[in-house]
Amino acid sequence: MATSDNRRIRLEKVLKEHNYQESALLEILHSAQEIYGYLDRNLLMDIAGSLNLPPSHVYGVTTFYSFFKMRKPGEHIVTACLGTACYVKGVEQIIAAIEKEFNLKRGGSTADGKLSLLFTRCIGACAMAPAIIIDDQVIGKATKEIVISKIKNTLGGIKDETV
């Protein structure tokens, strides 16, 4: 319970820094996700109450932006870009290979909680399409072979310097 209390104290500090202002909602949501790792229903309700906002407003903002996570993500996160350039260059085949190789569903996590497969509309790396992000590393001109290898290395803890 001490960890939970410490996180709530940290969130309260963020809320105070922003004077409980609605205009700071995005920054507060970012901070809350940084503190908790994801934004579940109870946390969103808490933030809505603290800012005197309707829960539907806070939920709407949270679900509008793809960088907010509403479920606890895996230890490692693979994010696939679904922008037009990436789609045209074959990101769907890479996604299908990840799903098959790691027994993983889109938007979900592996049973052991080690890996999540998430999506974003665009990462702004269209010239490097298709693009996949593994944790914080962008893989440009990705192929299913390169991505699967990098994920395996990440899960195995092996340092992989190739891009």
N, C-alpha and C. Protein backbone atom coordinates (compact mmCIF):
# COMPACT_ATOMS: atom_id res chain seq x y z
N MET A 1 0.82 -1.20 0.00
CA MET A 1 0.00 0.00 0.00
C MET A 1 0.86 1.26 0.00
N ALA A 2 2.09 1.16 0.51
CA ALA A 2 2.97 2.32 0.56
C ALA A 2 3.27 2.84 -0.85
N THR A 3 3.47 1.92 -1.80
CA THR A 3 3.74 2.33 -3.18
C THR A 3 2.56 3.10 -3.74
N SER A 4 1.36 2.61 -3.50
CA SER A 4 0.14 3.27 -3.97
C SER A 4 0.01 4.66 -3.35
N ASP A 5 0.28 4.76 -2.06
CA ASP A 5 0.19 6.05 -1.37
C ASP A 5 1.21 7.03 -1.92
N ASN A 6 2.43 6.55 -2.18
CA ASN A 6 3.49 7.39 -2.72
C ASN A 6 3.10 7.91 -4.10
N ARG A 7 2.50 7.06 -4.92
CA ARG A 7 2.09 7.50 -6.25
C ARG A 7 0.99 8.56 -6.15
N ARG A 8 0.06 8.38 -5.24
CA ARG A 8 -1.03 9.36 -5.07
C ARG A 8 -0.48 10.70 -4.60
N ILE A 9 0.51 10.66 -3.72
CA ILE A 9 1.15 11.89 -3.25
C ILE A 9 1.84 12.60 -4.41
N ARG A 10 2.51 11.84 -5.26
CA ARG A 10 3.16 12.43 -6.43
C ARG A 10 2.14 13.04 -7.39
N LEU A 11 1.02 12.35 -7.60
CA LEU A 11 -0.03 12.90 -8.47
C LEU A 11 -0.63 14.16 -7.87
N GLU A 12 -0.85 14.16 -6.58
CA GLU A 12 -1.40 15.35 -5.91
C GLU A 12 -0.46 16.55 -6.08
N LYS A 13 0.83 16.30 -6.03
CA LYS A 13 1.81 17.37 -6.23
C LYS A 13 1.67 17.95 -7.65
N VAL A 14 1.49 17.06 -8.65
CA VAL A 14 1.32 17.50 -10.04
C VAL A 14 0.04 18.33 -10.17
N LEU A 15 -1.04 17.85 -9.57
CA LEU A 15 -2.31 18.59 -9.62
C LEU A 15 -2.15 19.99 -9.01
N LYS A 16 -1.46 20.08 -7.88
CA LYS A 16 -1.23 21.38 -7.22
C LYS A 16 -0.37 22.29 -8.08
N GLU A 17 0.67 21.71 -8.71
CA GLU A 17 1.55 22.51 -9.58
C GLU A 17 0.77 23.15 -10.72
N HIS A 18 -0.28 22.50 -11.14
CA HIS A 18 -1.10 23.01 -12.25
C HIS A 18 -2.38 23.68 -11.74
N ASN A 19 -2.42 23.95 -10.44
CA ASN A 19 -3.55 24.65 -9.82
C ASN A 19 -4.91 24.03 -10.14
N TYR A 20 -4.92 22.72 -10.31
CA TYR A 20 -6.17 22.00 -10.56
C TYR A 20 -6.93 22.58 -11.76
N GLN A 21 -6.21 23.06 -12.76
CA GLN A 21 -6.81 23.71 -13.92
C GLN A 21 -7.13 22.72 -15.03
N GLU A 22 -8.33 22.84 -15.60
CA GLU A 22 -8.75 22.00 -16.72
C GLU A 22 -7.77 22.13 -17.88
N SER A 23 -7.25 23.33 -18.09
CA SER A 23 -6.34 23.57 -19.22
C SER A 23 -5.06 22.75 -19.12
N ALA A 24 -4.77 22.19 -17.95
CA ALA A 24 -3.57 21.38 -17.76
C ALA A 24 -3.87 19.88 -17.86
N LEU A 25 -5.06 19.52 -18.33
CA LEU A 25 -5.47 18.12 -18.35
C LEU A 25 -4.46 17.23 -19.07
N LEU A 26 -4.01 17.60 -20.26
CA LEU A 26 -3.06 16.76 -20.99
C LEU A 26 -1.77 16.55 -20.20
N GLU A 27 -1.24 17.61 -19.65
CA GLU A 27 -0.01 17.50 -18.86
C GLU A 27 -0.23 16.63 -17.63
N ILE A 28 -1.36 16.78 -16.99
CA ILE A 28 -1.68 15.97 -15.82
C ILE A 28 -1.82 14.50 -16.20
N LEU A 29 -2.48 14.23 -17.32
CA LEU A 29 -2.62 12.84 -17.78
C LEU A 29 -1.25 12.24 -18.10
N HIS A 30 -0.38 13.01 -18.76
CA HIS A 30 0.98 12.53 -19.04
C HIS A 30 1.70 12.19 -17.74
N SER A 31 1.63 13.09 -16.79
CA SER A 31 2.30 12.87 -15.50
C SER A 31 1.72 11.66 -14.78
N ALA A 32 0.39 11.53 -14.80
CA ALA A 32 -0.25 10.39 -14.13
C ALA A 32 0.19 9.08 -14.77
N GLN A 33 0.28 9.06 -16.10
CA GLN A 33 0.74 7.84 -16.76
C GLN A 33 2.19 7.54 -16.42
N GLU A 34 3.00 8.57 -16.32
CA GLU A 34 4.40 8.39 -15.93
C GLU A 34 4.49 7.82 -14.51
N ILE A 35 3.66 8.30 -13.64
CA ILE A 35 3.66 7.85 -12.24
C ILE A 35 3.11 6.43 -12.09
N TYR A 36 1.97 6.15 -12.73
CA TYR A 36 1.27 4.87 -12.55
C TYR A 36 1.58 3.84 -13.63
N GLY A 37 2.08 4.28 -14.79
CA GLY A 37 2.37 3.36 -15.88
C GLY A 37 1.25 3.24 -16.89
N TYR A 38 0.04 3.55 -16.47
CA TYR A 38 -1.14 3.52 -17.33
C TYR A 38 -2.27 4.24 -16.62
N LEU A 39 -3.34 4.52 -17.36
CA LEU A 39 -4.46 5.30 -16.83
C LEU A 39 -5.71 4.43 -16.78
N ASP A 40 -5.95 3.78 -15.65
CA ASP A 40 -7.14 2.94 -15.55
C ASP A 40 -8.37 3.79 -15.19
N ARG A 41 -9.52 3.16 -15.19
CA ARG A 41 -10.79 3.85 -14.95
C ARG A 41 -10.80 4.60 -13.63
N ASN A 42 -10.34 3.96 -12.56
CA ASN A 42 -10.34 4.59 -11.23
C ASN A 42 -9.45 5.83 -11.20
N LEU A 43 -8.31 5.76 -11.86
CA LEU A 43 -7.40 6.91 -11.90
C LEU A 43 -8.03 8.06 -12.69
N LEU A 44 -8.67 7.74 -13.81
CA LEU A 44 -9.33 8.78 -14.60
C LEU A 44 -10.46 9.44 -13.81
N MET A 45 -11.20 8.64 -13.05
CA MET A 45 -12.27 9.18 -12.20
C MET A 45 -11.69 10.11 -11.13
N ASP A 46 -10.56 9.71 -10.56
CA ASP A 46 -9.89 10.52 -9.54
C ASP A 46 -9.45 11.87 -10.13
N ILE A 47 -8.85 11.82 -11.32
CA ILE A 47 -8.40 13.05 -11.98
C ILE A 47 -9.59 13.94 -12.32
N ALA A 48 -10.66 13.33 -12.84
CA ALA A 48 -11.86 14.10 -13.17
C ALA A 48 -12.40 14.80 -11.92
N GLY A 49 -12.47 14.09 -10.81
CA GLY A 49 -12.95 14.69 -9.57
C GLY A 49 -12.06 15.81 -9.09
N SER A 50 -10.74 15.61 -9.19
CA SER A 50 -9.79 16.62 -8.72
C SER A 50 -9.87 17.90 -9.55
N LEU A 51 -10.21 17.77 -10.84
CA LEU A 51 -10.28 18.93 -11.73
C LEU A 51 -11.70 19.44 -11.92
N ASN A 52 -12.66 18.84 -11.20
CA ASN A 52 -14.07 19.19 -11.36
C ASN A 52 -14.52 19.11 -12.81
N LEU A 53 -14.13 18.03 -13.47
CA LEU A 53 -14.50 17.79 -14.86
C LEU A 53 -15.41 16.58 -14.94
N PRO A 54 -16.29 16.54 -15.94
CA PRO A 54 -17.08 15.33 -16.12
C PRO A 54 -16.14 14.17 -16.50
N PRO A 55 -16.37 12.99 -15.93
CA PRO A 55 -15.52 11.84 -16.29
C PRO A 55 -15.50 11.59 -17.79
N SER A 56 -16.62 11.86 -18.47
CA SER A 56 -16.67 11.64 -19.92
C SER A 56 -15.67 12.52 -20.66
N HIS A 57 -15.42 13.72 -20.16
CA HIS A 57 -14.46 14.62 -20.79
C HIS A 57 -13.04 14.06 -20.64
N VAL A 58 -12.70 13.64 -19.43
CA VAL A 58 -11.36 13.09 -19.17
C VAL A 58 -11.16 11.81 -19.99
N TYR A 59 -12.17 10.96 -20.02
CA TYR A 59 -12.10 9.72 -20.80
C TYR A 59 -11.96 10.04 -22.29
N GLY A 60 -12.71 11.01 -22.78
CA GLY A 60 -12.64 11.40 -24.19
C GLY A 60 -11.26 11.87 -24.59
N VAL A 61 -10.64 12.69 -23.75
CA VAL A 61 -9.29 13.17 -24.04
C VAL A 61 -8.31 12.00 -24.01
N THR A 62 -8.45 11.14 -23.03
CA THR A 62 -7.54 10.00 -22.88
C THR A 62 -7.62 9.07 -24.09
N THR A 63 -8.82 8.78 -24.55
CA THR A 63 -8.97 7.84 -25.66
C THR A 63 -8.68 8.48 -27.02
N PHE A 64 -8.69 9.80 -27.09
CA PHE A 64 -8.40 10.48 -28.36
C PHE A 64 -6.93 10.33 -28.73
N TYR A 65 -6.04 10.39 -27.75
CA TYR A 65 -4.60 10.35 -28.00
C TYR A 65 -4.07 8.94 -27.83
N SER A 66 -3.35 8.45 -28.85
CA SER A 66 -2.88 7.07 -28.84
C SER A 66 -1.74 6.81 -27.86
N PHE A 67 -1.10 7.85 -27.35
CA PHE A 67 0.02 7.61 -26.44
C PHE A 67 -0.42 7.32 -25.01
N PHE A 68 -1.70 7.43 -24.71
CA PHE A 68 -2.19 7.07 -23.39
C PHE A 68 -2.59 5.60 -23.37
N LYS A 69 -2.19 4.90 -22.32
CA LYS A 69 -2.51 3.48 -22.15
C LYS A 69 -3.54 3.33 -21.05
N MET A 70 -4.62 2.61 -21.34
CA MET A 70 -5.68 2.44 -20.34
C MET A 70 -5.61 1.07 -19.66
N ARG A 71 -4.69 0.24 -20.10
CA ARG A 71 -4.46 -1.05 -19.45
C ARG A 71 -2.98 -1.17 -19.16
N LYS A 72 -2.68 -1.93 -18.15
CA LYS A 72 -1.27 -2.12 -17.79
C LYS A 72 -0.55 -2.76 -18.97
N PRO A 73 0.48 -2.08 -19.48
CA PRO A 73 1.21 -2.64 -20.62
C PRO A 73 2.21 -3.70 -20.16
N GLY A 74 2.70 -4.44 -21.14
CA GLY A 74 3.74 -5.41 -20.86
C GLY A 74 5.04 -4.73 -20.47
N GLU A 75 5.97 -5.53 -20.02
CA GLU A 75 7.28 -5.02 -19.63
C GLU A 75 7.98 -4.35 -20.82
N HIS A 76 7.77 -4.91 -22.01
CA HIS A 76 8.32 -4.35 -23.25
C HIS A 76 7.16 -4.04 -24.18
N ILE A 77 7.27 -2.92 -24.89
CA ILE A 77 6.16 -2.48 -25.74
C ILE A 77 6.62 -2.34 -27.19
N VAL A 78 5.88 -3.01 -28.07
CA VAL A 78 6.09 -2.87 -29.50
C VAL A 78 4.93 -2.01 -30.01
N THR A 79 5.27 -0.91 -30.67
CA THR A 79 4.26 -0.02 -31.21
C THR A 79 4.40 0.01 -32.73
N ALA A 80 3.33 -0.32 -33.41
CA ALA A 80 3.33 -0.33 -34.87
C ALA A 80 2.69 0.96 -35.38
N CYS A 81 3.33 1.57 -36.35
CA CYS A 81 2.78 2.77 -36.98
C CYS A 81 1.79 2.34 -38.06
N LEU A 82 0.58 2.87 -37.97
CA LEU A 82 -0.46 2.53 -38.95
C LEU A 82 -0.73 3.67 -39.92
N GLY A 83 0.20 4.60 -40.01
CA GLY A 83 0.06 5.70 -40.96
C GLY A 83 0.05 5.18 -42.39
N THR A 84 -0.37 6.02 -43.31
CA THR A 84 -0.52 5.62 -44.71
C THR A 84 0.77 5.05 -45.29
N ALA A 85 1.88 5.73 -45.10
CA ALA A 85 3.15 5.26 -45.67
C ALA A 85 3.52 3.89 -45.12
N CYS A 86 3.37 3.70 -43.82
CA CYS A 86 3.71 2.41 -43.21
C CYS A 86 2.76 1.32 -43.67
N TYR A 87 1.49 1.67 -43.78
CA TYR A 87 0.50 0.69 -44.24
C TYR A 87 0.81 0.23 -45.66
N VAL A 88 1.09 1.19 -46.54
CA VAL A 88 1.39 0.88 -47.94
C VAL A 88 2.67 0.06 -48.05
N LYS A 89 3.62 0.31 -47.17
CA LYS A 89 4.91 -0.39 -47.21
C LYS A 89 4.90 -1.73 -46.48
N GLY A 90 3.73 -2.17 -45.98
CA GLY A 90 3.62 -3.53 -45.46
C GLY A 90 3.65 -3.74 -43.96
N VAL A 91 3.29 -2.74 -43.17
CA VAL A 91 3.32 -2.90 -41.72
C VAL A 91 2.35 -4.01 -41.26
N GLU A 92 1.27 -4.22 -42.00
CA GLU A 92 0.31 -5.26 -41.62
C GLU A 92 0.96 -6.65 -41.59
N GLN A 93 1.85 -6.93 -42.53
CA GLN A 93 2.53 -8.23 -42.55
C GLN A 93 3.46 -8.38 -41.34
N ILE A 94 4.06 -7.28 -40.95
CA ILE A 94 4.94 -7.31 -39.77
C ILE A 94 4.11 -7.56 -38.52
N ILE A 95 2.98 -6.88 -38.42
CA ILE A 95 2.08 -7.06 -37.27
C ILE A 95 1.62 -8.51 -37.18
N ALA A 96 1.20 -9.07 -38.31
CA ALA A 96 0.74 -10.46 -38.34
C ALA A 96 1.84 -11.42 -37.90
N ALA A 97 3.08 -11.14 -38.31
CA ALA A 97 4.21 -12.00 -37.91
C ALA A 97 4.46 -11.91 -36.41
N ILE A 98 4.34 -10.72 -35.84
CA ILE A 98 4.53 -10.54 -34.39
C ILE A 98 3.44 -11.30 -33.64
N GLU A 99 2.21 -11.16 -34.10
CA GLU A 99 1.09 -11.85 -33.45
C GLU A 99 1.31 -13.36 -33.45
N LYS A 100 1.73 -13.89 -34.58
CA LYS A 100 1.94 -15.33 -34.71
C LYS A 100 3.14 -15.80 -33.88
N GLU A 101 4.24 -15.10 -33.99
CA GLU A 101 5.48 -15.52 -33.32
C GLU A 101 5.36 -15.50 -31.80
N PHE A 102 4.63 -14.49 -31.27
CA PHE A 102 4.59 -14.31 -29.82
C PHE A 102 3.22 -14.60 -29.21
N ASN A 103 2.33 -15.21 -30.02
CA ASN A 103 0.98 -15.55 -29.56
C ASN A 103 0.34 -14.34 -28.88
N LEU A 104 0.25 -13.28 -29.64
CA LEU A 104 -0.14 -11.97 -29.12
C LEU A 104 -1.24 -11.39 -30.00
N LYS A 105 -2.22 -10.77 -29.38
CA LYS A 105 -3.30 -10.12 -30.12
C LYS A 105 -3.06 -8.62 -30.16
N ARG A 106 -3.54 -7.98 -31.21
CA ARG A 106 -3.41 -6.53 -31.37
C ARG A 106 -3.98 -5.80 -30.17
N GLY A 107 -3.20 -4.89 -29.63
CA GLY A 107 -3.65 -4.12 -28.48
C GLY A 107 -3.52 -4.86 -27.16
N GLY A 108 -3.02 -6.08 -27.20
CA GLY A 108 -2.94 -6.89 -25.99
C GLY A 108 -1.51 -7.15 -25.54
N SER A 109 -1.42 -8.00 -24.54
CA SER A 109 -0.13 -8.37 -23.96
C SER A 109 -0.02 -9.89 -23.91
N THR A 110 1.20 -10.38 -23.86
CA THR A 110 1.41 -11.81 -23.71
C THR A 110 0.95 -12.23 -22.32
N ALA A 111 0.65 -13.50 -22.17
CA ALA A 111 0.14 -14.03 -20.90
C ALA A 111 1.10 -13.77 -19.75
N ASP A 112 2.40 -13.77 -20.04
CA ASP A 112 3.39 -13.55 -18.98
C ASP A 112 3.65 -12.07 -18.70
N GLY A 113 2.98 -11.17 -19.45
CA GLY A 113 3.12 -9.73 -19.21
C GLY A 113 4.45 -9.16 -19.68
N LYS A 114 5.17 -9.90 -20.49
CA LYS A 114 6.48 -9.43 -20.95
C LYS A 114 6.40 -8.51 -22.18
N LEU A 115 5.34 -8.67 -23.00
CA LEU A 115 5.30 -7.95 -24.27
C LEU A 115 3.88 -7.48 -24.58
N SER A 116 3.78 -6.23 -25.04
CA SER A 116 2.50 -5.68 -25.51
C SER A 116 2.66 -5.23 -26.95
N LEU A 117 1.59 -5.33 -27.72
CA LEU A 117 1.57 -4.89 -29.11
C LEU A 117 0.54 -3.77 -29.23
N LEU A 118 1.03 -2.55 -29.42
CA LEU A 118 0.18 -1.37 -29.48
C LEU A 118 0.30 -0.71 -30.85
N PHE A 119 -0.53 0.31 -31.07
CA PHE A 119 -0.58 0.98 -32.36
C PHE A 119 -0.64 2.48 -32.19
N THR A 120 -0.18 3.16 -33.22
CA THR A 120 -0.32 4.60 -33.29
C THR A 120 -0.61 4.96 -34.74
N ARG A 121 -1.25 6.07 -34.95
CA ARG A 121 -1.62 6.47 -36.31
C ARG A 121 -0.42 6.94 -37.13
N CYS A 122 0.54 7.60 -36.49
CA CYS A 122 1.71 8.08 -37.22
C CYS A 122 2.79 8.46 -36.23
N ILE A 123 4.02 8.11 -36.54
CA ILE A 123 5.13 8.52 -35.67
C ILE A 123 5.97 9.61 -36.33
N GLY A 124 5.59 10.00 -37.53
CA GLY A 124 6.30 11.08 -38.21
C GLY A 124 7.61 10.62 -38.85
N ALA A 125 7.71 9.34 -39.15
CA ALA A 125 8.92 8.81 -39.78
C ALA A 125 8.57 8.17 -41.12
N CYS A 126 7.75 8.87 -41.89
CA CYS A 126 7.21 8.32 -43.14
C CYS A 126 8.30 7.92 -44.13
N ALA A 127 9.40 8.64 -44.15
CA ALA A 127 10.49 8.32 -45.07
C ALA A 127 11.15 6.98 -44.71
N MET A 128 10.93 6.52 -43.49
CA MET A 128 11.52 5.25 -43.03
C MET A 128 10.49 4.12 -42.99
N ALA A 129 9.36 4.31 -43.65
CA ALA A 129 8.28 3.32 -43.60
C ALA A 129 8.72 1.97 -44.16
N PRO A 130 8.19 0.89 -43.58
CA PRO A 130 7.34 0.83 -42.40
C PRO A 130 8.17 0.98 -41.13
N ALA A 131 7.56 1.60 -40.12
CA ALA A 131 8.26 1.86 -38.87
C ALA A 131 7.58 1.13 -37.71
N ILE A 132 8.41 0.56 -36.86
CA ILE A 132 7.98 -0.13 -35.65
C ILE A 132 8.83 0.42 -34.52
N ILE A 133 8.23 0.62 -33.36
CA ILE A 133 8.99 1.06 -32.19
C ILE A 133 9.01 -0.09 -31.19
N ILE A 134 10.20 -0.45 -30.75
CA ILE A 134 10.36 -1.46 -29.70
C ILE A 134 10.91 -0.74 -28.50
N ASP A 135 10.10 -0.71 -27.44
CA ASP A 135 10.36 0.14 -26.29
C ASP A 135 10.52 1.56 -26.82
N ASP A 136 11.68 2.16 -26.77
CA ASP A 136 11.83 3.52 -27.29
C ASP A 136 12.68 3.59 -28.55
N GLN A 137 13.00 2.43 -29.14
CA GLN A 137 13.86 2.40 -30.33
C GLN A 137 13.02 2.28 -31.59
N VAL A 138 13.17 3.26 -32.48
CA VAL A 138 12.45 3.25 -33.75
C VAL A 138 13.22 2.37 -34.74
N ILE A 139 12.49 1.44 -35.35
CA ILE A 139 13.06 0.57 -36.38
C ILE A 139 12.48 1.03 -37.71
N GLY A 140 13.30 1.68 -38.52
CA GLY A 140 12.85 2.17 -39.81
C GLY A 140 13.13 1.16 -40.90
N LYS A 141 12.33 1.24 -41.99
CA LYS A 141 12.43 0.29 -43.09
C LYS A 141 12.41 -1.14 -42.55
N ALA A 142 11.50 -1.34 -41.62
CA ALA A 142 11.41 -2.61 -40.89
C ALA A 142 10.97 -3.76 -41.79
N THR A 143 11.48 -4.92 -41.47
CA THR A 143 10.99 -6.17 -42.08
C THR A 143 10.56 -7.06 -40.93
N LYS A 144 9.73 -8.06 -41.24
CA LYS A 144 9.28 -8.94 -40.16
C LYS A 144 10.46 -9.68 -39.54
N GLU A 145 11.46 -10.03 -40.33
CA GLU A 145 12.62 -10.76 -39.81
C GLU A 145 13.41 -9.89 -38.82
N ILE A 146 13.65 -8.64 -39.20
CA ILE A 146 14.40 -7.73 -38.32
C ILE A 146 13.63 -7.48 -37.03
N VAL A 147 12.34 -7.22 -37.15
CA VAL A 147 11.52 -6.90 -35.97
C VAL A 147 11.43 -8.10 -35.03
N ILE A 148 11.17 -9.28 -35.57
CA ILE A 148 11.08 -10.49 -34.72
C ILE A 148 12.41 -10.71 -34.01
N SER A 149 13.51 -10.56 -34.71
CA SER A 149 14.83 -10.74 -34.11
C SER A 149 15.08 -9.73 -32.99
N LYS A 150 14.73 -8.47 -33.23
CA LYS A 150 14.93 -7.44 -32.22
C LYS A 150 14.05 -7.67 -30.99
N ILE A 151 12.82 -8.12 -31.22
CA ILE A 151 11.94 -8.41 -30.08
C ILE A 151 12.51 -9.57 -29.27
N LYS A 152 12.96 -10.63 -29.94
CA LYS A 152 13.55 -11.77 -29.23
C LYS A 152 14.77 -11.33 -28.43
N ASN A 153 15.61 -10.48 -29.03
CA ASN A 153 16.78 -9.98 -28.32
C ASN A 153 16.37 -9.14 -27.11
N THR A 154 15.34 -8.33 -27.27
CA THR A 154 14.86 -7.49 -26.17
C THR A 154 14.32 -8.37 -25.04
N LEU A 155 13.53 -9.36 -25.39
CA LEU A 155 12.96 -10.25 -24.37
C LEU A 155 14.03 -11.09 -23.69
N GLY A 156 15.09 -11.40 -24.46
CA GLY A 156 16.17 -12.20 -23.89
C GLY A 156 17.22 -11.39 -23.18
N GLY A 157 17.08 -10.06 -23.25
CA GLY A 157 18.03 -9.20 -22.56
C GLY A 157 19.32 -9.02 -23.30
N ILE A 158 19.38 -9.44 -24.57
CA ILE A 158 20.60 -9.32 -25.35
C ILE A 158 20.66 -7.93 -25.97
N LYS A 159 21.76 -7.25 -25.84
CA LYS A 159 21.94 -5.92 -26.41
C LYS A 159 22.07 -6.05 -27.92
N ASP A 160 21.19 -5.37 -28.65
CA ASP A 160 21.19 -5.42 -30.11
C ASP A 160 21.43 -4.01 -30.64
N GLU A 161 22.59 -3.79 -31.23
CA GLU A 161 22.96 -2.46 -31.70
C GLU A 161 22.62 -2.24 -33.17
N THR A 162 22.17 -3.27 -33.89
CA THR A 162 21.88 -3.10 -35.30
C THR A 162 20.57 -2.39 -35.51
N VAL A 163 20.51 -1.59 -36.54
CA VAL A 163 19.25 -0.89 -36.89
C VAL A 163 19.02 -1.04 -38.36
